[in-house]
Amino acid sequence: MSTATETAEQERFWIRIQAASGLAFSIFLALHLANTVTASGGEGTYNAFQDGARRFYQTMLFEILLVAVPLVTHLVASIVRIV
């Protein structure tokens, strides 16, 4: 049986996991939004950003690491905290 201290420590652990997964997703979101905003600077600005960003945030590995893994991690942490 868990003590109150162990339960509080577990709760803090899962809160940190959720915060870290949210931060990872935020990196992807910020790049995605920056990409969209550059379109307002004209075709040249947008294309320049795309050329630089394409190597990173538009790769399968990057999307898995900054979208899929954080999403699953966040959901698991939420379920654990609810249960």
N, C-alpha and C. Protein backbone atom coordinates (compact mmCIF):
# COMPACT_ATOMS: atom_id res chain seq x y z
N MET A 1 0.83 -1.18 0.00
CA MET A 1 0.00 0.00 0.00
C MET A 1 0.88 1.25 0.00
N SER A 2 0.53 2.26 -0.77
CA SER A 2 1.31 3.48 -0.88
C SER A 2 1.03 4.42 0.27
N THR A 3 2.09 5.07 0.70
CA THR A 3 1.90 6.10 1.71
C THR A 3 1.52 7.40 1.00
N ALA A 4 1.11 8.37 1.78
CA ALA A 4 0.72 9.66 1.20
C ALA A 4 1.92 10.32 0.52
N THR A 5 3.10 10.15 1.11
CA THR A 5 4.31 10.73 0.52
C THR A 5 4.64 10.09 -0.81
N GLU A 6 4.55 8.77 -0.89
CA GLU A 6 4.82 8.07 -2.15
C GLU A 6 3.81 8.48 -3.22
N THR A 7 2.56 8.61 -2.83
CA THR A 7 1.52 9.02 -3.78
C THR A 7 1.79 10.44 -4.29
N ALA A 8 2.19 11.34 -3.41
CA ALA A 8 2.50 12.72 -3.82
C ALA A 8 3.70 12.74 -4.75
N GLU A 9 4.71 11.92 -4.46
CA GLU A 9 5.90 11.85 -5.32
C GLU A 9 5.54 11.31 -6.70
N GLN A 10 4.69 10.30 -6.74
CA GLN A 10 4.25 9.75 -8.02
C GLN A 10 3.48 10.80 -8.82
N GLU A 11 2.64 11.54 -8.15
CA GLU A 11 1.86 12.59 -8.82
C GLU A 11 2.80 13.65 -9.41
N ARG A 12 3.78 14.07 -8.63
CA ARG A 12 4.76 15.06 -9.14
C ARG A 12 5.53 14.51 -10.34
N PHE A 13 5.88 13.22 -10.28
CA PHE A 13 6.58 12.59 -11.39
C PHE A 13 5.76 12.67 -12.67
N TRP A 14 4.49 12.32 -12.61
CA TRP A 14 3.63 12.32 -13.79
C TRP A 14 3.33 13.74 -14.26
N ILE A 15 3.28 14.69 -13.34
CA ILE A 15 3.10 16.10 -13.73
C ILE A 15 4.32 16.55 -14.53
N ARG A 16 5.51 16.18 -14.08
CA ARG A 16 6.74 16.54 -14.80
C ARG A 16 6.79 15.89 -16.18
N ILE A 17 6.35 14.64 -16.25
CA ILE A 17 6.31 13.94 -17.54
C ILE A 17 5.37 14.69 -18.50
N GLN A 18 4.22 15.08 -18.00
CA GLN A 18 3.28 15.83 -18.85
C GLN A 18 3.87 17.17 -19.28
N ALA A 19 4.55 17.84 -18.37
CA ALA A 19 5.15 19.13 -18.71
C ALA A 19 6.23 18.96 -19.78
N ALA A 20 7.06 17.94 -19.65
CA ALA A 20 8.12 17.69 -20.63
C ALA A 20 7.54 17.34 -21.99
N SER A 21 6.50 16.52 -22.01
CA SER A 21 5.89 16.16 -23.29
C SER A 21 5.22 17.37 -23.93
N GLY A 22 4.64 18.24 -23.13
CA GLY A 22 4.06 19.47 -23.65
C GLY A 22 5.12 20.39 -24.23
N LEU A 23 6.27 20.46 -23.57
CA LEU A 23 7.37 21.28 -24.07
C LEU A 23 7.88 20.75 -25.41
N ALA A 24 8.03 19.44 -25.51
CA ALA A 24 8.49 18.85 -26.77
C ALA A 24 7.52 19.17 -27.90
N PHE A 25 6.24 19.03 -27.64
CA PHE A 25 5.24 19.34 -28.67
C PHE A 25 5.27 20.83 -29.01
N SER A 26 5.51 21.67 -28.00
CA SER A 26 5.55 23.12 -28.22
C SER A 26 6.65 23.51 -29.20
N ILE A 27 7.76 22.80 -29.19
CA ILE A 27 8.84 23.08 -30.14
C ILE A 27 8.35 22.87 -31.56
N PHE A 28 7.68 21.75 -31.79
CA PHE A 28 7.13 21.49 -33.11
C PHE A 28 6.09 22.55 -33.48
N LEU A 29 5.23 22.87 -32.56
CA LEU A 29 4.18 23.86 -32.82
C LEU A 29 4.77 25.22 -33.15
N ALA A 30 5.79 25.64 -32.41
CA ALA A 30 6.42 26.94 -32.67
C ALA A 30 7.02 26.98 -34.07
N LEU A 31 7.69 25.92 -34.48
CA LEU A 31 8.25 25.87 -35.84
C LEU A 31 7.14 25.89 -36.89
N HIS A 32 6.09 25.16 -36.63
CA HIS A 32 4.96 25.11 -37.57
C HIS A 32 4.31 26.49 -37.71
N LEU A 33 4.09 27.16 -36.59
CA LEU A 33 3.48 28.49 -36.63
C LEU A 33 4.42 29.50 -37.27
N ALA A 34 5.71 29.40 -36.98
CA ALA A 34 6.68 30.31 -37.61
C ALA A 34 6.66 30.12 -39.12
N ASN A 35 6.54 28.89 -39.55
CA ASN A 35 6.46 28.60 -40.98
C ASN A 35 5.25 29.30 -41.59
N THR A 36 4.13 29.24 -40.92
CA THR A 36 2.91 29.86 -41.41
C THR A 36 3.04 31.38 -41.44
N VAL A 37 3.62 31.94 -40.39
CA VAL A 37 3.78 33.39 -40.30
C VAL A 37 4.70 33.92 -41.40
N THR A 38 5.72 33.15 -41.77
CA THR A 38 6.64 33.63 -42.80
C THR A 38 5.94 33.83 -44.14
N ALA A 39 4.83 33.17 -44.34
CA ALA A 39 4.09 33.35 -45.60
C ALA A 39 3.63 34.80 -45.76
N SER A 40 3.40 35.49 -44.63
CA SER A 40 2.97 36.89 -44.72
C SER A 40 4.11 37.81 -45.17
N GLY A 41 5.35 37.29 -45.13
CA GLY A 41 6.49 38.07 -45.57
C GLY A 41 6.77 37.95 -47.05
N GLY A 42 5.95 37.17 -47.72
CA GLY A 42 6.12 37.00 -49.16
C GLY A 42 6.71 35.65 -49.52
N GLU A 43 6.67 35.37 -50.79
CA GLU A 43 7.10 34.07 -51.30
C GLU A 43 8.57 33.79 -50.99
N GLY A 44 9.42 34.80 -51.16
CA GLY A 44 10.86 34.61 -50.91
C GLY A 44 11.15 34.26 -49.46
N THR A 45 10.51 34.97 -48.54
CA THR A 45 10.70 34.71 -47.11
C THR A 45 10.20 33.32 -46.75
N TYR A 46 9.05 33.00 -47.26
CA TYR A 46 8.47 31.67 -46.98
C TYR A 46 9.37 30.57 -47.52
N ASN A 47 9.80 30.71 -48.75
CA ASN A 47 10.65 29.68 -49.35
C ASN A 47 11.99 29.55 -48.64
N ALA A 48 12.56 30.67 -48.19
CA ALA A 48 13.83 30.63 -47.46
C ALA A 48 13.66 29.87 -46.14
N PHE A 49 12.56 30.15 -45.44
CA PHE A 49 12.31 29.45 -44.19
C PHE A 49 12.08 27.96 -44.45
N GLN A 50 11.30 27.67 -45.47
CA GLN A 50 11.03 26.28 -45.82
C GLN A 50 12.31 25.52 -46.13
N ASP A 51 13.20 26.14 -46.88
CA ASP A 51 14.45 25.48 -47.24
C ASP A 51 15.27 25.13 -46.00
N GLY A 52 15.29 26.03 -45.03
CA GLY A 52 16.03 25.76 -43.81
C GLY A 52 15.33 24.79 -42.88
N ALA A 53 14.03 24.95 -42.74
CA ALA A 53 13.27 24.15 -41.78
C ALA A 53 12.97 22.74 -42.27
N ARG A 54 12.92 22.58 -43.57
CA ARG A 54 12.54 21.29 -44.14
C ARG A 54 13.45 20.16 -43.65
N ARG A 55 14.72 20.48 -43.46
CA ARG A 55 15.68 19.46 -43.00
C ARG A 55 15.36 18.94 -41.62
N PHE A 56 14.68 19.75 -40.83
CA PHE A 56 14.44 19.37 -39.44
C PHE A 56 13.00 18.99 -39.17
N TYR A 57 12.14 19.98 -39.24
CA TYR A 57 10.80 19.72 -38.71
C TYR A 57 9.87 19.03 -39.70
N GLN A 58 10.29 18.86 -40.92
CA GLN A 58 9.44 18.13 -41.86
C GLN A 58 10.04 16.77 -42.21
N THR A 59 10.63 16.13 -41.22
CA THR A 59 11.15 14.78 -41.41
C THR A 59 10.35 13.83 -40.54
N MET A 60 10.29 12.60 -40.96
CA MET A 60 9.52 11.60 -40.21
C MET A 60 10.06 11.45 -38.79
N LEU A 61 11.37 11.41 -38.63
CA LEU A 61 11.97 11.24 -37.30
C LEU A 61 11.58 12.40 -36.39
N PHE A 62 11.70 13.61 -36.89
CA PHE A 62 11.37 14.80 -36.10
C PHE A 62 9.89 14.78 -35.71
N GLU A 63 9.04 14.45 -36.64
CA GLU A 63 7.61 14.42 -36.33
C GLU A 63 7.28 13.33 -35.32
N ILE A 64 7.94 12.20 -35.41
CA ILE A 64 7.71 11.14 -34.42
C ILE A 64 8.19 11.60 -33.05
N LEU A 65 9.39 12.20 -33.00
CA LEU A 65 9.96 12.60 -31.72
C LEU A 65 9.27 13.80 -31.08
N LEU A 66 8.73 14.70 -31.89
CA LEU A 66 8.13 15.90 -31.33
C LEU A 66 6.62 15.98 -31.45
N VAL A 67 6.01 14.96 -32.03
CA VAL A 67 4.55 14.93 -32.10
C VAL A 67 4.02 13.62 -31.53
N ALA A 68 4.35 12.52 -32.14
CA ALA A 68 3.77 11.22 -31.74
C ALA A 68 4.20 10.79 -30.34
N VAL A 69 5.49 10.82 -30.06
CA VAL A 69 5.96 10.37 -28.74
C VAL A 69 5.41 11.27 -27.62
N PRO A 70 5.51 12.60 -27.76
CA PRO A 70 4.92 13.43 -26.70
C PRO A 70 3.41 13.25 -26.55
N LEU A 71 2.71 13.05 -27.66
CA LEU A 71 1.26 12.85 -27.57
C LEU A 71 0.94 11.58 -26.78
N VAL A 72 1.58 10.49 -27.12
CA VAL A 72 1.33 9.23 -26.42
C VAL A 72 1.75 9.35 -24.96
N THR A 73 2.91 9.95 -24.72
CA THR A 73 3.39 10.14 -23.36
C THR A 73 2.42 10.97 -22.54
N HIS A 74 1.93 12.04 -23.11
CA HIS A 74 0.99 12.92 -22.42
C HIS A 74 -0.31 12.17 -22.09
N LEU A 75 -0.79 11.41 -23.04
CA LEU A 75 -2.01 10.64 -22.79
C LEU A 75 -1.82 9.58 -21.71
N VAL A 76 -0.70 8.87 -21.76
CA VAL A 76 -0.42 7.85 -20.75
C VAL A 76 -0.33 8.49 -19.36
N ALA A 77 0.38 9.61 -19.27
CA ALA A 77 0.51 10.30 -17.98
C ALA A 77 -0.86 10.75 -17.48
N SER A 78 -1.70 11.22 -18.38
CA SER A 78 -3.05 11.65 -17.98
C SER A 78 -3.87 10.49 -17.45
N ILE A 79 -3.79 9.39 -18.13
CA ILE A 79 -4.55 8.20 -17.70
C ILE A 79 -4.06 7.71 -16.36
N VAL A 80 -2.73 7.66 -16.19
CA VAL A 80 -2.16 7.21 -14.91
C VAL A 80 -2.60 8.14 -13.78
N ARG A 81 -2.60 9.44 -14.05
CA ARG A 81 -3.01 10.39 -13.01
C ARG A 81 -4.47 10.27 -12.67
N ILE A 82 -5.30 9.94 -13.65
CA ILE A 82 -6.74 9.79 -13.39
C ILE A 82 -7.02 8.52 -12.59
N VAL A 83 -6.34 7.46 -12.97
CA VAL A 83 -6.56 6.17 -12.32
C VAL A 83 -5.84 6.17 -11.01
